[in-house]
Amino acid sequence: MATSKLQALWNHPAGPKTIHFWAPTFKWGISIANIADFAKPPEKLSYPQQIAVTATGIIWSRYSTVITPKNWNLFSVNVAMAGTGLYQLSRKIRHDYFNEEETAAIKE
């Protein structure tokens, strides 16, 4: 039974014999790097970079559900990219726009 499942995965149109498997697998590196940046101070985050990561995740998540063959690896990596990008953007926005108001209120 396990052999037939492995053989089905191996022969799948988005299986390990194709670029449709390896491209999203390596794309996980972007999400992992973004997760590693959670420890980075918000002032060092880049709006253009995080907007690009978020937009890429959102756009390609949708696309990965309408292509044939369905590529769930591509879908999951793009959901992760969108999620980490949105989180990083929220950290940057909170730091740049809301942190100043709190600091001013504390000084008064």
PDB file of N, CA and C in Angstrom:
ATOM      1  N   MET A   1       0.824  -1.186   0.000  1.00  0.00           N
ATOM      2  CA  MET A   1       0.000   0.000   0.000  1.00  0.00           C
ATOM      3  C   MET A   1       0.876   1.260   0.000  1.00  0.00           C
ATOM      4  N   ALA A   2       1.897   1.302   0.844  1.00  0.00           N
ATOM      5  CA  ALA A   2       2.780   2.457   0.899  1.00  0.00           C
ATOM      6  C   ALA A   2       3.520   2.641  -0.425  1.00  0.00           C
ATOM      7  N   THR A   3       3.884   1.516  -1.055  1.00  0.00           N
ATOM      8  CA  THR A   3       4.592   1.606  -2.322  1.00  0.00           C
ATOM      9  C   THR A   3       3.706   2.217  -3.394  1.00  0.00           C
ATOM     10  N   SER A   4       2.427   1.872  -3.396  1.00  0.00           N
ATOM     11  CA  SER A   4       1.537   2.423  -4.413  1.00  0.00           C
ATOM     12  C   SER A   4       1.330   3.927  -4.199  1.00  0.00           C
ATOM     13  N   LYS A   5       1.285   4.378  -2.944  1.00  0.00           N
ATOM     14  CA  LYS A   5       1.147   5.814  -2.674  1.00  0.00           C
ATOM     15  C   LYS A   5       2.411   6.563  -3.090  1.00  0.00           C
ATOM     16  N   LEU A   6       3.571   5.989  -2.796  1.00  0.00           N
ATOM     17  CA  LEU A   6       4.815   6.617  -3.215  1.00  0.00           C
ATOM     18  C   LEU A   6       4.938   6.643  -4.733  1.00  0.00           C
ATOM     19  N   GLN A   7       4.503   5.566  -5.363  1.00  0.00           N
ATOM     20  CA  GLN A   7       4.551   5.509  -6.822  1.00  0.00           C
ATOM     21  C   GLN A   7       3.583   6.521  -7.427  1.00  0.00           C
ATOM     22  N   ALA A   8       2.413   6.689  -6.808  1.00  0.00           N
ATOM     23  CA  ALA A   8       1.446   7.686  -7.283  1.00  0.00           C
ATOM     24  C   ALA A   8       2.020   9.094  -7.140  1.00  0.00           C
ATOM     25  N   LEU A   9       2.680   9.369  -6.018  1.00  0.00           N
ATOM     26  CA  LEU A   9       3.316  10.675  -5.829  1.00  0.00           C
ATOM     27  C   LEU A   9       4.414  10.889  -6.866  1.00  0.00           C
ATOM     28  N   TRP A  10       5.233   9.885  -7.053  1.00  0.00           N
ATOM     29  CA  TRP A  10       6.348   9.987  -7.996  1.00  0.00           C
ATOM     30  C   TRP A  10       5.854  10.263  -9.416  1.00  0.00           C
ATOM     31  N   ASN A  11       4.749   9.639  -9.806  1.00  0.00           N
ATOM     32  CA  ASN A  11       4.226   9.771 -11.173  1.00  0.00           C
ATOM     33  C   ASN A  11       3.201  10.885 -11.330  1.00  0.00           C
ATOM     34  N   HIS A  12       2.890  11.594 -10.273  1.00  0.00           N
ATOM     35  CA  HIS A  12       1.913  12.689 -10.332  1.00  0.00           C
ATOM     36  C   HIS A  12       2.427  13.794 -11.265  1.00  0.00           C
ATOM     37  N   PRO A  13       1.528  14.486 -11.992  1.00  0.00           N
ATOM     38  CA  PRO A  13       1.973  15.564 -12.887  1.00  0.00           C
ATOM     39  C   PRO A  13       2.697  16.708 -12.169  1.00  0.00           C
ATOM     40  N   ALA A  14       2.508  16.829 -10.857  1.00  0.00           N
ATOM     41  CA  ALA A  14       3.239  17.836 -10.077  1.00  0.00           C
ATOM     42  C   ALA A  14       4.154  17.141  -9.074  1.00  0.00           C
ATOM     43  N   GLY A  15       4.618  15.948  -9.429  1.00  0.00           N
ATOM     44  CA  GLY A  15       5.460  15.161  -8.532  1.00  0.00           C
ATOM     45  C   GLY A  15       6.937  15.526  -8.639  1.00  0.00           C
ATOM     46  N   PRO A  16       7.774  14.834  -7.891  1.00  0.00           N
ATOM     47  CA  PRO A  16       9.202  15.154  -7.814  1.00  0.00           C
ATOM     48  C   PRO A  16       9.978  15.051  -9.126  1.00  0.00           C
ATOM     49  N   LYS A  17       9.396  14.469 -10.148  1.00  0.00           N
ATOM     50  CA  LYS A  17      10.083  14.391 -11.439  1.00  0.00           C
ATOM     51  C   LYS A  17       9.894  15.671 -12.257  1.00  0.00           C
ATOM     52  N   THR A  18       9.139  16.643 -11.718  1.00  0.00           N
ATOM     53  CA  THR A  18       8.807  17.823 -12.513  1.00  0.00           C
ATOM     54  C   THR A  18       9.232  19.116 -11.815  1.00  0.00           C
ATOM     55  N   ILE A  19       9.322  20.173 -12.584  1.00  0.00           N
ATOM     56  CA  ILE A  19       9.608  21.502 -12.040  1.00  0.00           C
ATOM     57  C   ILE A  19       8.438  21.986 -11.192  1.00  0.00           C
ATOM     58  N   HIS A  20       7.248  21.444 -11.444  1.00  0.00           N
ATOM     59  CA  HIS A  20       6.057  21.855 -10.683  1.00  0.00           C
ATOM     60  C   HIS A  20       6.162  21.444  -9.213  1.00  0.00           C
ATOM     61  N   PHE A  21       7.045  20.539  -8.916  1.00  0.00           N
ATOM     62  CA  PHE A  21       7.307  20.145  -7.530  1.00  0.00           C
ATOM     63  C   PHE A  21       8.464  20.958  -6.950  1.00  0.00           C
ATOM     64  N   TRP A  22       9.545  21.064  -7.705  1.00  0.00           N
ATOM     65  CA  TRP A  22      10.767  21.660  -7.159  1.00  0.00           C
ATOM     66  C   TRP A  22      10.702  23.172  -7.022  1.00  0.00           C
ATOM     67  N   ALA A  23      10.047  23.866  -7.926  1.00  0.00           N
ATOM     68  CA  ALA A  23       9.965  25.332  -7.823  1.00  0.00           C
ATOM     69  C   ALA A  23       9.284  25.764  -6.524  1.00  0.00           C
ATOM     70  N   PRO A  24       8.085  25.245  -6.186  1.00  0.00           N
ATOM     71  CA  PRO A  24       7.496  25.648  -4.913  1.00  0.00           C
ATOM     72  C   PRO A  24       8.267  25.136  -3.707  1.00  0.00           C
ATOM     73  N   THR A  25       8.922  24.001  -3.839  1.00  0.00           N
ATOM     74  CA  THR A  25       9.694  23.468  -2.725  1.00  0.00           C
ATOM     75  C   THR A  25      10.838  24.424  -2.371  1.00  0.00           C
ATOM     76  N   PHE A  26      11.536  24.930  -3.374  1.00  0.00           N
ATOM     77  CA  PHE A  26      12.606  25.887  -3.107  1.00  0.00           C
ATOM     78  C   PHE A  26      12.057  27.251  -2.709  1.00  0.00           C
ATOM     79  N   LYS A  27      10.842  27.568  -3.134  1.00  0.00           N
ATOM     80  CA  LYS A  27      10.223  28.843  -2.771  1.00  0.00           C
ATOM     81  C   LYS A  27       9.943  28.916  -1.265  1.00  0.00           C
ATOM     82  N   TRP A  28       9.882  27.768  -0.603  1.00  0.00           N
ATOM     83  CA  TRP A  28       9.717  27.758   0.859  1.00  0.00           C
ATOM     84  C   TRP A  28      10.852  28.520   1.539  1.00  0.00           C
ATOM     85  N   GLY A  29      11.995  28.614   0.887  1.00  0.00           N
ATOM     86  CA  GLY A  29      13.116  29.357   1.445  1.00  0.00           C
ATOM     87  C   GLY A  29      12.774  30.817   1.706  1.00  0.00           C
ATOM     88  N   ILE A  30      11.949  31.418   0.854  1.00  0.00           N
ATOM     89  CA  ILE A  30      11.530  32.808   1.051  1.00  0.00           C
ATOM     90  C   ILE A  30      10.688  32.924   2.316  1.00  0.00           C
ATOM     91  N   SER A  31       9.748  32.008   2.488  1.00  0.00           N
ATOM     92  CA  SER A  31       8.903  32.047   3.683  1.00  0.00           C
ATOM     93  C   SER A  31       9.718  31.777   4.944  1.00  0.00           C
ATOM     94  N   ILE A  32      10.642  30.864   4.864  1.00  0.00           N
ATOM     95  CA  ILE A  32      11.486  30.558   6.023  1.00  0.00           C
ATOM     96  C   ILE A  32      12.353  31.766   6.374  1.00  0.00           C
ATOM     97  N   ALA A  33      12.893  32.443   5.360  1.00  0.00           N
ATOM     98  CA  ALA A  33      13.691  33.645   5.616  1.00  0.00           C
ATOM     99  C   ALA A  33      12.832  34.738   6.238  1.00  0.00           C
ATOM    100  N   ASN A  34      11.599  34.862   5.788  1.00  0.00           N
ATOM    101  CA  ASN A  34      10.698  35.867   6.349  1.00  0.00           C
ATOM    102  C   ASN A  34      10.359  35.539   7.804  1.00  0.00           C
ATOM    103  N   ILE A  35      10.216  34.267   8.109  1.00  0.00           N
ATOM    104  CA  ILE A  35       9.971  33.854   9.499  1.00  0.00           C
ATOM    105  C   ILE A  35      11.202  34.161  10.354  1.00  0.00           C
ATOM    106  N   ALA A  36      12.378  33.927   9.814  1.00  0.00           N
ATOM    107  CA  ALA A  36      13.609  34.248  10.548  1.00  0.00           C
ATOM    108  C   ALA A  36      13.697  35.751  10.824  1.00  0.00           C
ATOM    109  N   ASP A  37      13.120  36.565   9.931  1.00  0.00           N
ATOM    110  CA  ASP A  37      13.139  38.017  10.106  1.00  0.00           C
ATOM    111  C   ASP A  37      12.143  38.506  11.154  1.00  0.00           C
ATOM    112  N   PHE A  38      11.342  37.611  11.732  1.00  0.00           N
ATOM    113  CA  PHE A  38      10.434  38.021  12.804  1.00  0.00           C
ATOM    114  C   PHE A  38      11.234  38.599  13.975  1.00  0.00           C
ATOM    115  N   ALA A  39      12.473  38.158  14.138  1.00  0.00           N
ATOM    116  CA  ALA A  39      13.316  38.645  15.225  1.00  0.00           C
ATOM    117  C   ALA A  39      13.993  39.975  14.880  1.00  0.00           C
ATOM    118  N   LYS A  40      13.930  40.364  13.616  1.00  0.00           N
ATOM    119  CA  LYS A  40      14.562  41.606  13.167  1.00  0.00           C
ATOM    120  C   LYS A  40      13.763  42.806  13.671  1.00  0.00           C
ATOM    121  N   PRO A  41      14.418  43.880  14.069  1.00  0.00           N
ATOM    122  CA  PRO A  41      13.679  45.074  14.498  1.00  0.00           C
ATOM    123  C   PRO A  41      12.830  45.621  13.350  1.00  0.00           C
ATOM    124  N   PRO A  42      11.618  46.105  13.644  1.00  0.00           N
ATOM    125  CA  PRO A  42      10.718  46.565  12.577  1.00  0.00           C
ATOM    126  C   PRO A  42      11.293  47.690  11.724  1.00  0.00           C
ATOM    127  N   GLU A  43      12.159  48.527  12.288  1.00  0.00           N
ATOM    128  CA  GLU A  43      12.707  49.633  11.494  1.00  0.00           C
ATOM    129  C   GLU A  43      13.628  49.139  10.383  1.00  0.00           C
ATOM    130  N   LYS A  44      14.063  47.902  10.447  1.00  0.00           N
ATOM    131  CA  LYS A  44      14.930  47.352   9.407  1.00  0.00           C
ATOM    132  C   LYS A  44      14.147  46.623   8.315  1.00  0.00           C
ATOM    133  N   LEU A  45      12.833  46.530   8.463  1.00  0.00           N
ATOM    134  CA  LEU A  45      12.005  45.881   7.446  1.00  0.00           C
ATOM    135  C   LEU A  45      11.774  46.844   6.286  1.00  0.00           C
ATOM    136  N   SER A  46      11.551  46.282   5.113  1.00  0.00           N
ATOM    137  CA  SER A  46      11.371  47.070   3.899  1.00  0.00           C
ATOM    138  C   SER A  46       9.928  46.953   3.402  1.00  0.00           C
ATOM    139  N   TYR A  47       9.280  48.111   3.214  1.00  0.00           N
ATOM    140  CA  TYR A  47       7.918  48.094   2.663  1.00  0.00           C
ATOM    141  C   TYR A  47       7.874  47.442   1.277  1.00  0.00           C
ATOM    142  N   PRO A  48       8.721  47.861   0.324  1.00  0.00           N
ATOM    143  CA  PRO A  48       8.636  47.243  -1.011  1.00  0.00           C
ATOM    144  C   PRO A  48       8.834  45.728  -0.989  1.00  0.00           C
ATOM    145  N   GLN A  49       9.776  45.264  -0.173  1.00  0.00           N
ATOM    146  CA  GLN A  49      10.031  43.827  -0.111  1.00  0.00           C
ATOM    147  C   GLN A  49       8.820  43.086   0.447  1.00  0.00           C
ATOM    148  N   GLN A  50       8.266  43.577   1.542  1.00  0.00           N
ATOM    149  CA  GLN A  50       7.157  42.882   2.176  1.00  0.00           C
ATOM    150  C   GLN A  50       5.872  42.983   1.347  1.00  0.00           C
ATOM    151  N   ILE A  51       5.689  44.100   0.640  1.00  0.00           N
ATOM    152  CA  ILE A  51       4.539  44.218  -0.264  1.00  0.00           C
ATOM    153  C   ILE A  51       4.681  43.209  -1.399  1.00  0.00           C
ATOM    154  N   ALA A  52       5.897  43.058  -1.920  1.00  0.00           N
ATOM    155  CA  ALA A  52       6.133  42.088  -2.999  1.00  0.00           C
ATOM    156  C   ALA A  52       5.888  40.659  -2.521  1.00  0.00           C
ATOM    157  N   VAL A  53       6.363  40.328  -1.338  1.00  0.00           N
ATOM    158  CA  VAL A  53       6.154  38.983  -0.790  1.00  0.00           C
ATOM    159  C   VAL A  53       4.663  38.726  -0.583  1.00  0.00           C
ATOM    160  N   THR A  54       3.961  39.703  -0.013  1.00  0.00           N
ATOM    161  CA  THR A  54       2.523  39.549   0.247  1.00  0.00           C
ATOM    162  C   THR A  54       1.743  39.424  -1.053  1.00  0.00           C
ATOM    163  N   ALA A  55       1.993  40.339  -1.999  1.00  0.00           N
ATOM    164  CA  ALA A  55       1.259  40.320  -3.275  1.00  0.00           C
ATOM    165  C   ALA A  55       1.523  39.031  -4.041  1.00  0.00           C
ATOM    166  N   THR A  56       2.771  38.598  -4.056  1.00  0.00           N
ATOM    167  CA  THR A  56       3.108  37.337  -4.731  1.00  0.00           C
ATOM    168  C   THR A  56       2.341  36.182  -4.105  1.00  0.00           C
ATOM    169  N   GLY A  57       2.313  36.151  -2.786  1.00  0.00           N
ATOM    170  CA  GLY A  57       1.597  35.077  -2.093  1.00  0.00           C
ATOM    171  C   GLY A  57       0.116  35.068  -2.417  1.00  0.00           C
ATOM    172  N   ILE A  58      -0.505  36.245  -2.402  1.00  0.00           N
ATOM    173  CA  ILE A  58      -1.948  36.325  -2.658  1.00  0.00           C
ATOM    174  C   ILE A  58      -2.265  35.960  -4.105  1.00  0.00           C
ATOM    175  N   ILE A  59      -1.540  36.558  -5.043  1.00  0.00           N
ATOM    176  CA  ILE A  59      -1.812  36.318  -6.474  1.00  0.00           C
ATOM    177  C   ILE A  59      -1.592  34.856  -6.841  1.00  0.00           C
ATOM    178  N   TRP A  60      -0.458  34.287  -6.446  1.00  0.00           N
ATOM    179  CA  TRP A  60      -0.145  32.920  -6.838  1.00  0.00           C
ATOM    180  C   TRP A  60      -0.931  31.877  -6.055  1.00  0.00           C
ATOM    181  N   SER A  61      -1.440  32.240  -4.873  1.00  0.00           N
ATOM    182  CA  SER A  61      -2.325  31.298  -4.161  1.00  0.00           C
ATOM    183  C   SER A  61      -3.582  31.071  -4.991  1.00  0.00           C
ATOM    184  N   ARG A  62      -4.116  32.152  -5.493  1.00  0.00           N
ATOM    185  CA  ARG A  62      -5.318  32.043  -6.338  1.00  0.00           C
ATOM    186  C   ARG A  62      -5.005  31.254  -7.610  1.00  0.00           C
ATOM    187  N   TYR A  63      -3.910  31.610  -8.265  1.00  0.00           N
ATOM    188  CA  TYR A  63      -3.551  30.953  -9.513  1.00  0.00           C
ATOM    189  C   TYR A  63      -3.339  29.452  -9.323  1.00  0.00           C
ATOM    190  N   SER A  64      -2.739  29.069  -8.207  1.00  0.00           N
ATOM    191  CA  SER A  64      -2.432  27.649  -7.994  1.00  0.00           C
ATOM    192  C   SER A  64      -3.680  26.795  -7.805  1.00  0.00           C
ATOM    193  N   THR A  65      -4.824  27.425  -7.551  1.00  0.00           N
ATOM    194  CA  THR A  65      -6.061  26.644  -7.413  1.00  0.00           C
ATOM    195  C   THR A  65      -6.795  26.467  -8.739  1.00  0.00           C
ATOM    196  N   VAL A  66      -6.414  27.228  -9.761  1.00  0.00           N
ATOM    197  CA  VAL A  66      -7.126  27.129 -11.036  1.00  0.00           C
ATOM    198  C   VAL A  66      -6.320  26.445 -12.135  1.00  0.00           C
ATOM    199  N   ILE A  67      -5.048  26.178 -11.888  1.00  0.00           N
ATOM    200  CA  ILE A  67      -4.238  25.520 -12.908  1.00  0.00           C
ATOM    201  C   ILE A  67      -4.455  24.009 -12.877  1.00  0.00           C
ATOM    202  N   THR A  68      -4.072  23.365 -13.955  1.00  0.00           N
ATOM    203  CA  THR A  68      -4.108  21.916 -14.027  1.00  0.00           C
ATOM    204  C   THR A  68      -2.687  21.451 -14.279  1.00  0.00           C
ATOM    205  N   PRO A  69      -2.158  20.553 -13.504  1.00  0.00           N
ATOM    206  CA  PRO A  69      -2.754  19.865 -12.365  1.00  0.00           C
ATOM    207  C   PRO A  69      -2.753  20.763 -11.122  1.00  0.00           C
ATOM    208  N   LYS A  70      -3.655  20.467 -10.213  1.00  0.00           N
ATOM    209  CA  LYS A  70      -3.692  21.191  -8.943  1.00  0.00           C
ATOM    210  C   LYS A  70      -2.350  20.976  -8.245  1.00  0.00           C
ATOM    211  N   ASN A  71      -1.787  22.066  -7.765  1.00  0.00           N
ATOM    212  CA  ASN A  71      -0.479  21.985  -7.126  1.00  0.00           C
ATOM    213  C   ASN A  71      -0.611  22.518  -5.705  1.00  0.00           C
ATOM    214  N   TRP A  72      -0.844  21.623  -4.760  1.00  0.00           N
ATOM    215  CA  TRP A  72      -1.085  22.024  -3.381  1.00  0.00           C
ATOM    216  C   TRP A  72       0.183  22.486  -2.692  1.00  0.00           C
ATOM    217  N   ASN A  73       1.332  22.044  -3.148  1.00  0.00           N
ATOM    218  CA  ASN A  73       2.598  22.538  -2.623  1.00  0.00           C
ATOM    219  C   ASN A  73       2.749  24.022  -2.978  1.00  0.00           C
ATOM    220  N   LEU A  74       2.420  24.378  -4.217  1.00  0.00           N
ATOM    221  CA  LEU A  74       2.468  25.772  -4.656  1.00  0.00           C
ATOM    222  C   LEU A  74       1.465  26.614  -3.872  1.00  0.00           C
ATOM    223  N   PHE A  75       0.279  26.077  -3.669  1.00  0.00           N
ATOM    224  CA  PHE A  75      -0.744  26.800  -2.908  1.00  0.00           C
ATOM    225  C   PHE A  75      -0.285  27.062  -1.476  1.00  0.00           C
ATOM    226  N   SER A  76       0.225  26.022  -0.808  1.00  0.00           N
ATOM    227  CA  SER A  76       0.597  26.184   0.599  1.00  0.00           C
ATOM    228  C   SER A  76       1.781  27.133   0.780  1.00  0.00           C
ATOM    229  N   VAL A  77       2.767  27.093  -0.114  1.00  0.00           N
ATOM    230  CA  VAL A  77       3.899  28.006   0.029  1.00  0.00           C
ATOM    231  C   VAL A  77       3.456  29.445  -0.194  1.00  0.00           C
ATOM    232  N   ASN A  78       2.517  29.663  -1.085  1.00  0.00           N
ATOM    233  CA  ASN A  78       2.061  31.026  -1.333  1.00  0.00           C
ATOM    234  C   ASN A  78       1.162  31.548  -0.219  1.00  0.00           C
ATOM    235  N   VAL A  79       0.395  30.679   0.405  1.00  0.00           N
ATOM    236  CA  VAL A  79      -0.379  31.097   1.584  1.00  0.00           C
ATOM    237  C   VAL A  79       0.596  31.487   2.702  1.00  0.00           C
ATOM    238  N   ALA A  80       1.668  30.715   2.862  1.00  0.00           N
ATOM    239  CA  ALA A  80       2.679  31.037   3.871  1.00  0.00           C
ATOM    240  C   ALA A  80       3.361  32.365   3.543  1.00  0.00           C
ATOM    241  N   MET A  81       3.656  32.598   2.273  1.00  0.00           N
ATOM    242  CA  MET A  81       4.273  33.866   1.883  1.00  0.00           C
ATOM    243  C   MET A  81       3.354  35.040   2.173  1.00  0.00           C
ATOM    244  N   ALA A  82       2.081  34.900   1.827  1.00  0.00           N
ATOM    245  CA  ALA A  82       1.129  35.985   2.085  1.00  0.00           C
ATOM    246  C   ALA A  82       1.008  36.238   3.583  1.00  0.00           C
ATOM    247  N   GLY A  83       0.922  35.170   4.353  1.00  0.00           N
ATOM    248  CA  GLY A  83       0.779  35.311   5.803  1.00  0.00           C
ATOM    249  C   GLY A  83       1.982  35.968   6.458  1.00  0.00           C
ATOM    250  N   THR A  84       3.181  35.522   6.104  1.00  0.00           N
ATOM    251  CA  THR A  84       4.372  36.120   6.712  1.00  0.00           C
ATOM    252  C   THR A  84       4.571  37.552   6.233  1.00  0.00           C
ATOM    253  N   GLY A  85       4.244  37.818   4.979  1.00  0.00           N
ATOM    254  CA  GLY A  85       4.363  39.180   4.459  1.00  0.00           C
ATOM    255  C   GLY A  85       3.391  40.128   5.146  1.00  0.00           C
ATOM    256  N   LEU A  86       2.145  39.672   5.344  1.00  0.00           N
ATOM    257  CA  LEU A  86       1.161  40.509   6.047  1.00  0.00           C
ATOM    258  C   LEU A  86       1.581  40.769   7.486  1.00  0.00           C
ATOM    259  N   TYR A  87       2.113  39.757   8.135  1.00  0.00           N
ATOM    260  CA  TYR A  87       2.572  39.937   9.508  1.00  0.00           C
ATOM    261  C   TYR A  87       3.711  40.952   9.580  1.00  0.00           C
ATOM    262  N   GLN A  88       4.670  40.826   8.668  1.00  0.00           N
ATOM    263  CA  GLN A  88       5.789  41.757   8.667  1.00  0.00           C
ATOM    264  C   GLN A  88       5.330  43.182   8.338  1.00  0.00           C
ATOM    265  N   LEU A  89       4.388  43.317   7.398  1.00  0.00           N
ATOM    266  CA  LEU A  89       3.850  44.642   7.091  1.00  0.00           C
ATOM    267  C   LEU A  89       3.145  45.240   8.306  1.00  0.00           C
ATOM    268  N   SER A  90       2.399  44.420   9.026  1.00  0.00           N
ATOM    269  CA  SER A  90       1.701  44.930  10.207  1.00  0.00           C
ATOM    270  C   SER A  90       2.698  45.381  11.270  1.00  0.00           C
ATOM    271  N   ARG A  91       3.789  44.649  11.434  1.00  0.00           N
ATOM    272  CA  ARG A  91       4.830  45.063  12.384  1.00  0.00           C
ATOM    273  C   ARG A  91       5.421  46.409  11.977  1.00  0.00           C
ATOM    274  N   LYS A  92       5.720  46.557  10.691  1.00  0.00           N
ATOM    275  CA  LYS A  92       6.333  47.790  10.187  1.00  0.00           C
ATOM    276  C   LYS A  92       5.373  48.968  10.331  1.00  0.00           C
ATOM    277  N   ILE A  93       4.111  48.779   9.979  1.00  0.00           N
ATOM    278  CA  ILE A  93       3.114  49.849  10.077  1.00  0.00           C
ATOM    279  C   ILE A  93       2.899  50.245  11.529  1.00  0.00           C
ATOM    280  N   ARG A  94       2.770  49.255  12.416  1.00  0.00           N
ATOM    281  CA  ARG A  94       2.610  49.571  13.841  1.00  0.00           C
ATOM    282  C   ARG A  94       3.804  50.364  14.357  1.00  0.00           C
ATOM    283  N   HIS A  95       4.994  49.983  13.943  1.00  0.00           N
ATOM    284  CA  HIS A  95       6.193  50.685  14.403  1.00  0.00           C
ATOM    285  C   HIS A  95       6.261  52.107  13.844  1.00  0.00           C
ATOM    286  N   ASP A  96       5.977  52.270  12.543  1.00  0.00           N
ATOM    287  CA  ASP A  96       6.139  53.571  11.899  1.00  0.00           C
ATOM    288  C   ASP A  96       5.034  54.570  12.226  1.00  0.00           C
ATOM    289  N   TYR A  97       3.799  54.095  12.398  1.00  0.00           N
ATOM    290  CA  TYR A  97       2.679  55.028  12.530  1.00  0.00           C
ATOM    291  C   TYR A  97       2.031  55.060  13.906  1.00  0.00           C
ATOM    292  N   PHE A  98       2.018  53.957  14.606  1.00  0.00           N
ATOM    293  CA  PHE A  98       1.323  53.923  15.886  1.00  0.00           C
ATOM    294  C   PHE A  98       2.277  54.061  17.062  1.00  0.00           C
ATOM    295  N   ASN A  99       3.513  53.684  16.885  1.00  0.00           N
ATOM    296  CA  ASN A  99       4.495  53.761  17.950  1.00  0.00           C
ATOM    297  C   ASN A  99       4.799  55.223  18.297  1.00  0.00           C
ATOM    298  N   GLU A 100       4.779  56.127  17.292  1.00  0.00           N
ATOM    299  CA  GLU A 100       5.068  57.533  17.514  1.00  0.00           C
ATOM    300  C   GLU A 100       3.999  58.182  18.397  1.00  0.00           C
ATOM    301  N   GLU A 101       2.732  57.820  18.181  1.00  0.00           N
ATOM    302  CA  GLU A 101       1.647  58.375  18.979  1.00  0.00           C
ATOM    303  C   GLU A 101       1.768  57.928  20.429  1.00  0.00           C
ATOM    304  N   GLU A 102       2.114  56.662  20.652  1.00  0.00           N
ATOM    305  CA  GLU A 102       2.267  56.146  22.014  1.00  0.00           C
ATOM    306  C   GLU A 102       3.450  56.835  22.709  1.00  0.00           C
ATOM    307  N   THR A 103       4.537  57.051  21.973  1.00  0.00           N
ATOM    308  CA  THR A 103       5.708  57.701  22.542  1.00  0.00           C
ATOM    309  C   THR A 103       5.373  59.147  22.928  1.00  0.00           C
ATOM    310  N   ALA A 104       4.632  59.858  22.071  1.00  0.00           N
ATOM    311  CA  ALA A 104       4.250  61.241  22.353  1.00  0.00           C
ATOM    312  C   ALA A 104       3.325  61.310  23.565  1.00  0.00           C
ATOM    313  N   ALA A 105       2.418  60.360  23.690  1.00  0.00           N
ATOM    314  CA  ALA A 105       1.493  60.331  24.808  1.00  0.00           C
ATOM    315  C   ALA A 105       2.225  60.056  26.127  1.00  0.00           C
ATOM    316  N   ILE A 106       3.230  59.229  26.093  1.00  0.00           N
ATOM    317  CA  ILE A 106       4.006  58.903  27.286  1.00  0.00           C
ATOM    318  C   ILE A 106       4.824  60.125  27.738  1.00  0.00           C
ATOM    319  N   LYS A 107       5.374  60.870  26.794  1.00  0.00           N
ATOM    320  CA  LYS A 107       6.195  62.040  27.118  1.00  0.00           C
ATOM    321  C   LYS A 107       5.374  63.156  27.761  1.00  0.00           C
ATOM    322  N   GLU A 108       4.085  63.259  27.432  1.00  0.00           N
ATOM    323  CA  GLU A 108       3.231  64.306  27.980  1.00  0.00           C
ATOM    324  C   GLU A 108       2.847  63.972  29.360  1.00  0.00           C
TER     325      GLU A 108
END
